[in-house]
Amino acid sequence: MKDISLTVILPIYNGMPYLVEAINSLLNQTYQDFIIYAIDNGSTDGTREFLLELNNDKIKYIRLEENNLVKALNMGLEIATTPFVARMDADDISFPTRFKKQMEFLAKKKEIDLVGTFGQYTGIDRERHFKINLPIYHDDIMFAMLKKRYAIIHPSIMFRREIILPDSRYKKEYFPCEDFELFLRIGDRIKLANIPERLYSLRIRDESVMQDQLKKSLEIYYSVAKLYSYKYMKENKTDKDTSFQTRSLQKQDILSLIIYRKGLNYYLNKNLLVGLFYFFISSLLNPFRLINALKRRFIQFTNDNLR
């Protein structure tokens, strides 16, 4: 039996019923040379029974007795022995050619260490979708993250195992932005990229847009970007960082993003017109985000038509 080349890290907490579709999307990949570490973070639904009943050699079930995503991710990094490692979330979908195209990309682009993909948000029933356009090149990805902008879909990534060093672990103190902090922490010694194709689908549910959770996440997101701006952009720590104007703009931006995510949930799952209304309110609070989003969509539209 030849050696497996790819490990998929799949943390799960109460993944049913969406886990069924997520697993099928992995098992139906056109590239099949992989193993899945399904790390169950103390699920209390039918996750364990479903995975064990599959009795599939590609799926290795691991049980943790606590709901700890960071611990599960770090465990996956520790037990992965293949040359390449990929991520996946338990309620999302990987399109059939995702692994094939990422493996081909990393084989061709030797200078790139980690690659994500473009994607889309979908609702619970997957009847509607909303495109996710991202920066493609390393410098643009890093700059976007430092400017508190979405730049890489964490569960869409694939990377070379050789970049997993002692400093390449997720840190629990930055949860739920542990991925964002890790990318910025090691981004000066590795190269990141995004494949400009929609190869990953993220499912939006009510649980994805809980206001208190979102607010906490965005506040950590801001603090991490500020921390690493001193490293990458050579900014000096001054009193202006905590000025009333800076804090007010941050609160306004966070409120804009919370309203945007609420609109996304309505757009995909409930009422399209209400969703569009929330998008409008969000854009009024932060028109610069809207302008940048429209620029990315125009560039992608132009590129698509030039192919």
C-alpha atoms as a PDB file:
ATOM      1  CA  MET A   1       0.000   0.000   0.000  1.00  0.00           C
ATOM      2  CA  LYS A   2       1.478   3.302  -1.047  1.00  0.00           C
ATOM      3  CA  ASP A   3       1.941   6.129   1.415  1.00  0.00           C
ATOM      4  CA  ILE A   4      -0.927   8.589   1.878  1.00  0.00           C
ATOM      5  CA  SER A   5      -0.016  12.148   0.840  1.00  0.00           C
ATOM      6  CA  LEU A   6      -2.730  14.227   2.522  1.00  0.00           C
ATOM      7  CA  THR A   7      -4.253  14.469   6.014  1.00  0.00           C
ATOM      8  CA  VAL A   8      -7.603  16.221   6.509  1.00  0.00           C
ATOM      9  CA  ILE A   9      -8.206  17.703   9.967  1.00  0.00           C
ATOM     10  CA  LEU A  10     -11.947  17.711  10.687  1.00  0.00           C
ATOM     11  CA  PRO A  11     -12.943  18.954  14.171  1.00  0.00           C
ATOM     12  CA  ILE A  12     -16.577  18.229  15.054  1.00  0.00           C
ATOM     13  CA  TYR A  13     -18.956  19.291  17.795  1.00  0.00           C
ATOM     14  CA  ASN A  14     -22.557  18.099  17.432  1.00  0.00           C
ATOM     15  CA  GLY A  15     -22.165  17.939  13.678  1.00  0.00           C
ATOM     16  CA  MET A  16     -25.455  16.268  12.791  1.00  0.00           C
ATOM     17  CA  PRO A  17     -27.255  16.436  10.445  1.00  0.00           C
ATOM     18  CA  TYR A  18     -24.883  18.551   8.324  1.00  0.00           C
ATOM     19  CA  LEU A  19     -21.913  16.261   8.973  1.00  0.00           C
ATOM     20  CA  VAL A  20     -23.390  13.708   6.564  1.00  0.00           C
ATOM     21  CA  GLU A  21     -23.118  16.115   3.626  1.00  0.00           C
ATOM     22  CA  ALA A  22     -19.692  17.348   4.739  1.00  0.00           C
ATOM     23  CA  ILE A  23     -18.270  13.806   4.902  1.00  0.00           C
ATOM     24  CA  ASN A  24     -19.788  12.919   1.526  1.00  0.00           C
ATOM     25  CA  SER A  25     -18.175  15.978  -0.036  1.00  0.00           C
ATOM     26  CA  LEU A  26     -14.789  14.685   1.162  1.00  0.00           C
ATOM     27  CA  LEU A  27     -15.344  11.085   0.120  1.00  0.00           C
ATOM     28  CA  ASN A  28     -16.434  12.269  -3.346  1.00  0.00           C
ATOM     29  CA  GLN A  29     -13.273  14.251  -4.052  1.00  0.00           C
ATOM     30  CA  THR A  30     -11.649  13.601  -7.418  1.00  0.00           C
ATOM     31  CA  TYR A  31      -8.334  13.378  -5.513  1.00  0.00           C
ATOM     32  CA  GLN A  32      -8.543  10.353  -3.205  1.00  0.00           C
ATOM     33  CA  ASP A  33      -5.076   9.983  -1.687  1.00  0.00           C
ATOM     34  CA  PHE A  34      -5.985  11.213   1.795  1.00  0.00           C
ATOM     35  CA  ILE A  35      -6.968  10.244   5.322  1.00  0.00           C
ATOM     36  CA  ILE A  36      -9.481  12.099   7.532  1.00  0.00           C
ATOM     37  CA  TYR A  37      -8.906  12.645  11.242  1.00  0.00           C
ATOM     38  CA  ALA A  38     -12.425  13.252  12.552  1.00  0.00           C
ATOM     39  CA  ILE A  39     -11.808  14.783  15.982  1.00  0.00           C
ATOM     40  CA  ASP A  40     -15.018  14.726  18.021  1.00  0.00           C
ATOM     41  CA  ASN A  41     -15.022  17.511  20.637  1.00  0.00           C
ATOM     42  CA  GLY A  42     -17.410  15.914  23.119  1.00  0.00           C
ATOM     43  CA  SER A  43     -20.456  15.706  20.846  1.00  0.00           C
ATOM     44  CA  THR A  44     -23.745  14.686  22.442  1.00  0.00           C
ATOM     45  CA  ASP A  45     -25.729  14.065  19.255  1.00  0.00           C
ATOM     46  CA  GLY A  46     -25.313  11.187  16.793  1.00  0.00           C
ATOM     47  CA  THR A  47     -21.874  12.252  15.527  1.00  0.00           C
ATOM     48  CA  ARG A  48     -19.969   9.320  17.038  1.00  0.00           C
ATOM     49  CA  GLU A  49     -22.467   6.683  15.916  1.00  0.00           C
ATOM     50  CA  PHE A  50     -22.604   8.068  12.368  1.00  0.00           C
ATOM     51  CA  LEU A  51     -18.843   8.097  11.893  1.00  0.00           C
ATOM     52  CA  LEU A  52     -18.266   4.652  13.371  1.00  0.00           C
ATOM     53  CA  GLU A  53     -21.100   3.100  11.374  1.00  0.00           C
ATOM     54  CA  LEU A  54     -19.476   4.319   8.145  1.00  0.00           C
ATOM     55  CA  ASN A  55     -16.655   1.846   8.799  1.00  0.00           C
ATOM     56  CA  ASN A  56     -14.527   3.646   6.213  1.00  0.00           C
ATOM     57  CA  ASP A  57     -10.749   3.196   6.261  1.00  0.00           C
ATOM     58  CA  LYS A  58     -10.304   6.815   5.176  1.00  0.00           C
ATOM     59  CA  ILE A  59     -11.884   8.083   8.402  1.00  0.00           C
ATOM     60  CA  LYS A  60     -10.016   7.842  11.711  1.00  0.00           C
ATOM     61  CA  TYR A  61     -12.295   8.716  14.621  1.00  0.00           C
ATOM     62  CA  ILE A  62     -10.801  10.437  17.685  1.00  0.00           C
ATOM     63  CA  ARG A  63     -12.840  11.370  20.749  1.00  0.00           C
ATOM     64  CA  LEU A  64     -12.154  14.317  23.048  1.00  0.00           C
ATOM     65  CA  GLU A  65     -14.314  14.675  26.154  1.00  0.00           C
ATOM     66  CA  GLU A  66     -14.504  18.445  25.924  1.00  0.00           C
ATOM     67  CA  ASN A  67     -15.665  21.031  23.406  1.00  0.00           C
ATOM     68  CA  ASN A  68     -12.273  22.615  22.690  1.00  0.00           C
ATOM     69  CA  LEU A  69     -11.674  23.549  19.061  1.00  0.00           C
ATOM     70  CA  VAL A  70      -8.126  24.804  19.598  1.00  0.00           C
ATOM     71  CA  LYS A  71      -7.116  21.560  21.332  1.00  0.00           C
ATOM     72  CA  ALA A  72      -8.654  19.553  18.496  1.00  0.00           C
ATOM     73  CA  LEU A  73      -6.823  21.561  15.830  1.00  0.00           C
ATOM     74  CA  ASN A  74      -3.483  21.239  17.600  1.00  0.00           C
ATOM     75  CA  MET A  75      -4.028  17.507  18.047  1.00  0.00           C
ATOM     76  CA  GLY A  76      -4.588  17.247  14.305  1.00  0.00           C
ATOM     77  CA  LEU A  77      -1.328  19.082  13.626  1.00  0.00           C
ATOM     78  CA  GLU A  78       0.547  16.757  15.984  1.00  0.00           C
ATOM     79  CA  ILE A  79      -0.713  13.466  14.551  1.00  0.00           C
ATOM     80  CA  ALA A  80      -0.517  14.428  10.869  1.00  0.00           C
ATOM     81  CA  THR A  81       2.437  12.647   9.229  1.00  0.00           C
ATOM     82  CA  THR A  82       1.650  13.194   5.544  1.00  0.00           C
ATOM     83  CA  PRO A  83       3.476  15.730   3.348  1.00  0.00           C
ATOM     84  CA  PHE A  84       0.312  17.846   3.041  1.00  0.00           C
ATOM     85  CA  VAL A  85      -2.435  18.788   5.496  1.00  0.00           C
ATOM     86  CA  ALA A  86      -5.881  20.260   4.814  1.00  0.00           C
ATOM     87  CA  ARG A  87      -8.705  21.656   6.949  1.00  0.00           C
ATOM     88  CA  MET A  88     -12.441  21.146   6.811  1.00  0.00           C
ATOM     89  CA  ASP A  89     -15.414  22.127   8.996  1.00  0.00           C
ATOM     90  CA  ALA A  90     -18.205  19.728   9.863  1.00  0.00           C
ATOM     91  CA  ASP A  91     -21.120  21.719   8.443  1.00  0.00           C
ATOM     92  CA  ASP A  92     -19.454  22.908   5.226  1.00  0.00           C
ATOM     93  CA  ILE A  93     -18.966  21.488   1.743  1.00  0.00           C
ATOM     94  CA  SER A  94     -15.766  20.933  -0.240  1.00  0.00           C
ATOM     95  CA  PHE A  95     -16.436  20.972  -3.968  1.00  0.00           C
ATOM     96  CA  PRO A  96     -15.305  17.780  -5.791  1.00  0.00           C
ATOM     97  CA  THR A  97     -12.122  19.200  -7.358  1.00  0.00           C
ATOM     98  CA  ARG A  98     -10.923  21.131  -4.285  1.00  0.00           C
ATOM     99  CA  PHE A  99      -8.136  18.764  -3.182  1.00  0.00           C
ATOM    100  CA  LYS A 100      -7.022  18.035  -6.747  1.00  0.00           C
ATOM    101  CA  LYS A 101      -6.631  21.715  -7.586  1.00  0.00           C
ATOM    102  CA  GLN A 102      -4.904  22.571  -4.326  1.00  0.00           C
ATOM    103  CA  MET A 103      -2.441  19.693  -4.694  1.00  0.00           C
ATOM    104  CA  GLU A 104      -1.693  20.721  -8.270  1.00  0.00           C
ATOM    105  CA  PHE A 105      -1.242  24.325  -7.186  1.00  0.00           C
ATOM    106  CA  LEU A 106       1.242  23.438  -4.422  1.00  0.00           C
ATOM    107  CA  ALA A 107       3.123  21.088  -6.752  1.00  0.00           C
ATOM    108  CA  LYS A 108       3.503  23.857  -9.312  1.00  0.00           C
ATOM    109  CA  LYS A 109       4.056  26.801  -6.943  1.00  0.00           C
ATOM    110  CA  LYS A 110       6.958  25.590  -4.827  1.00  0.00           C
ATOM    111  CA  GLU A 111       7.310  28.998  -3.187  1.00  0.00           C
ATOM    112  CA  ILE A 112       3.793  28.819  -1.687  1.00  0.00           C
ATOM    113  CA  ASP A 113       3.411  27.029   1.654  1.00  0.00           C
ATOM    114  CA  LEU A 114      -0.310  27.413   2.349  1.00  0.00           C
ATOM    115  CA  VAL A 115      -3.208  27.872  -0.063  1.00  0.00           C
ATOM    116  CA  GLY A 116      -6.885  28.595   0.466  1.00  0.00           C
ATOM    117  CA  THR A 117      -9.652  29.012  -2.087  1.00  0.00           C
ATOM    118  CA  PHE A 118     -12.441  31.371  -2.978  1.00  0.00           C
ATOM    119  CA  GLY A 119     -15.812  30.200  -1.741  1.00  0.00           C
ATOM    120  CA  GLN A 120     -19.405  30.968  -1.038  1.00  0.00           C
ATOM    121  CA  TYR A 121     -21.795  31.280   1.869  1.00  0.00           C
ATOM    122  CA  THR A 122     -24.911  29.120   1.664  1.00  0.00           C
ATOM    123  CA  GLY A 123     -28.019  28.824   3.763  1.00  0.00           C
ATOM    124  CA  ILE A 124     -29.190  25.811   5.728  1.00  0.00           C
ATOM    125  CA  ASP A 125     -30.933  24.275   2.708  1.00  0.00           C
ATOM    126  CA  ARG A 126     -28.218  25.477   0.268  1.00  0.00           C
ATOM    127  CA  GLU A 127     -30.810  27.030  -2.067  1.00  0.00           C
ATOM    128  CA  ARG A 128     -29.148  30.452  -2.018  1.00  0.00           C
ATOM    129  CA  HIS A 129     -25.503  31.393  -2.019  1.00  0.00           C
ATOM    130  CA  PHE A 130     -23.369  34.498  -1.599  1.00  0.00           C
ATOM    131  CA  LYS A 131     -19.936  34.710  -3.243  1.00  0.00           C
ATOM    132  CA  ILE A 132     -16.746  35.191  -1.229  1.00  0.00           C
ATOM    133  CA  ASN A 133     -13.968  36.991  -3.130  1.00  0.00           C
ATOM    134  CA  LEU A 134     -10.565  37.249  -1.484  1.00  0.00           C
ATOM    135  CA  PRO A 135      -7.040  38.556  -2.132  1.00  0.00           C
ATOM    136  CA  ILE A 136      -4.961  36.117  -4.186  1.00  0.00           C
ATOM    137  CA  TYR A 137      -1.330  36.936  -3.406  1.00  0.00           C
ATOM    138  CA  HIS A 138       0.618  36.752  -0.137  1.00  0.00           C
ATOM    139  CA  ASP A 139       1.275  40.465   0.377  1.00  0.00           C
ATOM    140  CA  ASP A 140      -2.349  41.346  -0.371  1.00  0.00           C
ATOM    141  CA  ILE A 141      -3.606  38.651   2.020  1.00  0.00           C
ATOM    142  CA  MET A 142      -1.359  39.871   4.832  1.00  0.00           C
ATOM    143  CA  PHE A 143      -2.273  43.514   4.232  1.00  0.00           C
ATOM    144  CA  ALA A 144      -5.987  42.685   4.260  1.00  0.00           C
ATOM    145  CA  MET A 145      -5.701  40.839   7.574  1.00  0.00           C
ATOM    146  CA  LEU A 146      -3.790  43.721   9.134  1.00  0.00           C
ATOM    147  CA  LYS A 147      -6.603  46.009   7.977  1.00  0.00           C
ATOM    148  CA  LYS A 148      -9.162  43.716   9.683  1.00  0.00           C
ATOM    149  CA  ARG A 149     -10.477  42.336   6.408  1.00  0.00           C
ATOM    150  CA  TYR A 150     -11.474  38.761   5.590  1.00  0.00           C
ATOM    151  CA  ALA A 151      -8.566  37.358   3.590  1.00  0.00           C
ATOM    152  CA  ILE A 152      -8.532  33.564   3.777  1.00  0.00           C
ATOM    153  CA  ILE A 153     -11.163  30.890   4.481  1.00  0.00           C
ATOM    154  CA  HIS A 154      -9.584  28.904   7.307  1.00  0.00           C
ATOM    155  CA  PRO A 155     -11.318  25.531   6.678  1.00  0.00           C
ATOM    156  CA  SER A 156     -10.451  25.774   2.972  1.00  0.00           C
ATOM    157  CA  ILE A 157      -6.688  25.744   3.505  1.00  0.00           C
ATOM    158  CA  MET A 158      -4.136  23.146   2.483  1.00  0.00           C
ATOM    159  CA  PHE A 159      -0.494  23.459   3.510  1.00  0.00           C
ATOM    160  CA  ARG A 160       2.855  21.703   3.510  1.00  0.00           C
ATOM    161  CA  ARG A 161       3.393  19.757   6.731  1.00  0.00           C
ATOM    162  CA  GLU A 162       6.978  21.006   6.917  1.00  0.00           C
ATOM    163  CA  ILE A 163       5.740  24.445   8.044  1.00  0.00           C
ATOM    164  CA  ILE A 164       4.397  22.908  11.287  1.00  0.00           C
ATOM    165  CA  LEU A 165       7.070  24.041  13.739  1.00  0.00           C
ATOM    166  CA  PRO A 166       6.847  24.578  17.523  1.00  0.00           C
ATOM    167  CA  ASP A 167       5.580  28.127  16.874  1.00  0.00           C
ATOM    168  CA  SER A 168       2.907  26.874  14.456  1.00  0.00           C
ATOM    169  CA  ARG A 169       0.263  25.915  16.990  1.00  0.00           C
ATOM    170  CA  TYR A 170      -3.070  27.556  17.547  1.00  0.00           C
ATOM    171  CA  LYS A 171      -3.304  29.571  20.785  1.00  0.00           C
ATOM    172  CA  LYS A 172      -6.419  29.182  22.933  1.00  0.00           C
ATOM    173  CA  GLU A 173      -6.232  32.757  24.243  1.00  0.00           C
ATOM    174  CA  TYR A 174      -7.114  34.030  20.760  1.00  0.00           C
ATOM    175  CA  PHE A 175     -10.162  31.802  20.242  1.00  0.00           C
ATOM    176  CA  PRO A 176     -12.346  32.233  18.175  1.00  0.00           C
ATOM    177  CA  CYS A 177      -9.742  34.065  16.043  1.00  0.00           C
ATOM    178  CA  GLU A 178      -7.028  31.462  16.550  1.00  0.00           C
ATOM    179  CA  ASP A 179      -6.594  30.975  12.796  1.00  0.00           C
ATOM    180  CA  PHE A 180      -6.226  34.692  12.080  1.00  0.00           C
ATOM    181  CA  GLU A 181      -3.599  35.060  14.817  1.00  0.00           C
ATOM    182  CA  LEU A 182      -1.642  32.016  13.590  1.00  0.00           C
ATOM    183  CA  PHE A 183      -1.510  33.279   9.997  1.00  0.00           C
ATOM    184  CA  LEU A 184      -0.162  36.653  11.140  1.00  0.00           C
ATOM    185  CA  ARG A 185       2.276  35.049  13.578  1.00  0.00           C
ATOM    186  CA  ILE A 186       3.959  32.872  10.938  1.00  0.00           C
ATOM    187  CA  GLY A 187       3.219  35.004   7.879  1.00  0.00           C
ATOM    188  CA  ASP A 188       6.724  36.456   7.829  1.00  0.00           C
ATOM    189  CA  ARG A 189       8.316  33.039   7.241  1.00  0.00           C
ATOM    190  CA  ILE A 190       5.784  31.317   4.966  1.00  0.00           C
ATOM    191  CA  LYS A 191       3.929  32.326   1.801  1.00  0.00           C
ATOM    192  CA  LEU A 192       0.149  32.248   1.526  1.00  0.00           C
ATOM    193  CA  ALA A 193      -2.107  32.304  -1.518  1.00  0.00           C
ATOM    194  CA  ASN A 194      -5.724  31.831  -2.559  1.00  0.00           C
ATOM    195  CA  ILE A 195      -6.914  29.957  -5.643  1.00  0.00           C
ATOM    196  CA  PRO A 196      -9.451  32.262  -7.348  1.00  0.00           C
ATOM    197  CA  GLU A 197     -12.030  29.499  -7.779  1.00  0.00           C
ATOM    198  CA  ARG A 198     -15.057  28.716  -5.622  1.00  0.00           C
ATOM    199  CA  LEU A 199     -14.063  25.367  -4.170  1.00  0.00           C
ATOM    200  CA  TYR A 200     -15.539  25.673  -0.682  1.00  0.00           C
ATOM    201  CA  SER A 201     -19.007  26.383   0.715  1.00  0.00           C
ATOM    202  CA  LEU A 202     -19.643  27.684   4.252  1.00  0.00           C
ATOM    203  CA  ARG A 203     -23.069  27.106   5.735  1.00  0.00           C
ATOM    204  CA  ILE A 204     -24.647  30.032   7.608  1.00  0.00           C
ATOM    205  CA  ARG A 205     -27.034  29.205  10.456  1.00  0.00           C
ATOM    206  CA  ASP A 206     -28.542  31.138  13.363  1.00  0.00           C
ATOM    207  CA  GLU A 207     -25.667  29.828  15.505  1.00  0.00           C
ATOM    208  CA  SER A 208     -23.224  31.549  13.126  1.00  0.00           C
ATOM    209  CA  VAL A 209     -24.554  35.031  13.848  1.00  0.00           C
ATOM    210  CA  MET A 210     -25.113  35.146  17.613  1.00  0.00           C
ATOM    211  CA  GLN A 211     -24.467  38.808  18.443  1.00  0.00           C
ATOM    212  CA  ASP A 212     -22.519  38.377  21.713  1.00  0.00           C
ATOM    213  CA  GLN A 213     -20.274  35.728  20.147  1.00  0.00           C
ATOM    214  CA  LEU A 214     -19.699  37.842  17.039  1.00  0.00           C
ATOM    215  CA  LYS A 215     -18.888  40.924  19.099  1.00  0.00           C
ATOM    216  CA  LYS A 216     -16.304  39.022  21.142  1.00  0.00           C
ATOM    217  CA  SER A 217     -14.792  37.518  17.993  1.00  0.00           C
ATOM    218  CA  LEU A 218     -14.504  40.883  16.244  1.00  0.00           C
ATOM    219  CA  GLU A 219     -12.961  42.557  19.291  1.00  0.00           C
ATOM    220  CA  ILE A 220     -10.281  39.853  19.404  1.00  0.00           C
ATOM    221  CA  TYR A 221      -9.857  40.217  15.628  1.00  0.00           C
ATOM    222  CA  TYR A 222      -9.122  43.911  16.131  1.00  0.00           C
ATOM    223  CA  SER A 223      -6.687  43.331  18.978  1.00  0.00           C
ATOM    224  CA  VAL A 224      -4.743  40.729  16.951  1.00  0.00           C
ATOM    225  CA  ALA A 225      -4.516  42.996  13.888  1.00  0.00           C
ATOM    226  CA  LYS A 226      -3.303  45.832  16.102  1.00  0.00           C
ATOM    227  CA  LEU A 227      -0.732  43.572  17.775  1.00  0.00           C
ATOM    228  CA  TYR A 228       0.815  42.466  14.491  1.00  0.00           C
ATOM    229  CA  SER A 229       0.628  45.842  12.783  1.00  0.00           C
ATOM    230  CA  TYR A 230       3.602  46.792  14.953  1.00  0.00           C
ATOM    231  CA  LYS A 231       5.493  43.828  13.521  1.00  0.00           C
ATOM    232  CA  TYR A 232       4.620  44.106   9.826  1.00  0.00           C
ATOM    233  CA  MET A 233       3.821  47.772   9.276  1.00  0.00           C
ATOM    234  CA  LYS A 234       6.405  49.150  11.708  1.00  0.00           C
ATOM    235  CA  GLU A 235       3.766  51.247  13.417  1.00  0.00           C
ATOM    236  CA  ASN A 236       4.703  52.778  16.729  1.00  0.00           C
ATOM    237  CA  LYS A 237       2.631  52.350  19.856  1.00  0.00           C
ATOM    238  CA  THR A 238       1.282  55.760  20.741  1.00  0.00           C
ATOM    239  CA  ASP A 239      -1.535  57.238  22.762  1.00  0.00           C
ATOM    240  CA  LYS A 240      -3.541  57.738  19.590  1.00  0.00           C
ATOM    241  CA  ASP A 241      -4.145  53.970  19.514  1.00  0.00           C
ATOM    242  CA  THR A 242      -6.575  54.362  22.397  1.00  0.00           C
ATOM    243  CA  SER A 243      -8.019  57.734  21.415  1.00  0.00           C
ATOM    244  CA  PHE A 244     -11.750  58.316  21.574  1.00  0.00           C
ATOM    245  CA  GLN A 245     -11.919  58.643  17.782  1.00  0.00           C
ATOM    246  CA  THR A 246     -10.115  55.322  17.214  1.00  0.00           C
ATOM    247  CA  ARG A 247     -12.335  53.493  19.689  1.00  0.00           C
ATOM    248  CA  SER A 248     -15.469  55.014  18.152  1.00  0.00           C
ATOM    249  CA  LEU A 249     -14.467  53.956  14.631  1.00  0.00           C
ATOM    250  CA  GLN A 250     -13.707  50.442  15.864  1.00  0.00           C
ATOM    251  CA  LYS A 251     -17.107  50.149  17.558  1.00  0.00           C
ATOM    252  CA  GLN A 252     -18.807  51.435  14.407  1.00  0.00           C
ATOM    253  CA  ASP A 253     -16.950  48.934  12.226  1.00  0.00           C
ATOM    254  CA  ILE A 254     -17.811  46.055  14.586  1.00  0.00           C
ATOM    255  CA  LEU A 255     -21.479  47.093  14.608  1.00  0.00           C
ATOM    256  CA  SER A 256     -21.382  47.238  10.800  1.00  0.00           C
ATOM    257  CA  LEU A 257     -20.026  43.685  10.613  1.00  0.00           C
ATOM    258  CA  ILE A 258     -22.570  42.344  13.119  1.00  0.00           C
ATOM    259  CA  ILE A 259     -25.414  43.848  11.059  1.00  0.00           C
ATOM    260  CA  TYR A 260     -23.823  42.481   7.874  1.00  0.00           C
ATOM    261  CA  ARG A 261     -23.705  38.949   9.278  1.00  0.00           C
ATOM    262  CA  LYS A 262     -27.285  39.249  10.436  1.00  0.00           C
ATOM    263  CA  GLY A 263     -28.221  40.351   6.931  1.00  0.00           C
ATOM    264  CA  LEU A 264     -26.333  37.393   5.490  1.00  0.00           C
ATOM    265  CA  ASN A 265     -28.385  34.990   7.609  1.00  0.00           C
ATOM    266  CA  TYR A 266     -31.644  36.612   6.515  1.00  0.00           C
ATOM    267  CA  TYR A 267     -30.534  36.721   2.865  1.00  0.00           C
ATOM    268  CA  LEU A 268     -29.627  33.037   2.794  1.00  0.00           C
ATOM    269  CA  ASN A 269     -32.175  31.493   5.146  1.00  0.00           C
ATOM    270  CA  LYS A 270     -35.160  33.719   5.818  1.00  0.00           C
ATOM    271  CA  ASN A 271     -36.124  36.783   3.785  1.00  0.00           C
ATOM    272  CA  LEU A 272     -34.070  38.079   0.880  1.00  0.00           C
ATOM    273  CA  LEU A 273     -35.435  41.635   1.073  1.00  0.00           C
ATOM    274  CA  VAL A 274     -34.807  41.897   4.821  1.00  0.00           C
ATOM    275  CA  GLY A 275     -31.278  40.653   4.192  1.00  0.00           C
ATOM    276  CA  LEU A 276     -30.698  43.340   1.573  1.00  0.00           C
ATOM    277  CA  PHE A 277     -32.016  45.953   4.004  1.00  0.00           C
ATOM    278  CA  TYR A 278     -29.462  44.869   6.622  1.00  0.00           C
ATOM    279  CA  PHE A 279     -26.709  45.000   3.974  1.00  0.00           C
ATOM    280  CA  PHE A 280     -27.754  48.589   3.222  1.00  0.00           C
ATOM    281  CA  ILE A 281     -27.620  49.610   6.891  1.00  0.00           C
ATOM    282  CA  SER A 282     -24.231  47.921   7.252  1.00  0.00           C
ATOM    283  CA  SER A 283     -22.866  49.842   4.250  1.00  0.00           C
ATOM    284  CA  LEU A 284     -24.062  53.154   5.730  1.00  0.00           C
ATOM    285  CA  LEU A 285     -22.096  52.452   8.891  1.00  0.00           C
ATOM    286  CA  ASN A 286     -18.952  51.589   6.928  1.00  0.00           C
ATOM    287  CA  PRO A 287     -19.059  52.643   3.250  1.00  0.00           C
ATOM    288  CA  PHE A 288     -15.365  51.818   2.787  1.00  0.00           C
ATOM    289  CA  ARG A 289     -16.047  48.104   3.272  1.00  0.00           C
ATOM    290  CA  LEU A 290     -18.768  48.310   0.626  1.00  0.00           C
ATOM    291  CA  ILE A 291     -16.464  50.088  -1.825  1.00  0.00           C
ATOM    292  CA  ASN A 292     -13.699  47.513  -1.313  1.00  0.00           C
ATOM    293  CA  ALA A 293     -16.158  44.630  -1.682  1.00  0.00           C
ATOM    294  CA  LEU A 294     -17.487  46.088  -4.938  1.00  0.00           C
ATOM    295  CA  LYS A 295     -13.924  46.512  -6.218  1.00  0.00           C
ATOM    296  CA  ARG A 296     -13.141  42.838  -5.518  1.00  0.00           C
ATOM    297  CA  ARG A 297     -16.329  41.708  -7.236  1.00  0.00           C
ATOM    298  CA  PHE A 298     -15.604  43.900 -10.273  1.00  0.00           C
ATOM    299  CA  ILE A 299     -12.051  42.548 -10.550  1.00  0.00           C
ATOM    300  CA  GLN A 300     -13.299  38.968 -10.269  1.00  0.00           C
ATOM    301  CA  PHE A 301     -16.059  39.622 -12.828  1.00  0.00           C
ATOM    302  CA  THR A 302     -13.474  41.062 -15.225  1.00  0.00           C
ATOM    303  CA  ASN A 303     -11.115  38.126 -14.723  1.00  0.00           C
ATOM    304  CA  ASP A 304     -13.929  35.626 -15.264  1.00  0.00           C
ATOM    305  CA  ASN A 305     -14.851  37.266 -18.564  1.00  0.00           C
ATOM    306  CA  LEU A 306     -11.247  37.338 -19.767  1.00  0.00           C
ATOM    307  CA  ARG A 307     -10.859  33.560 -19.410  1.00  0.00           C
END
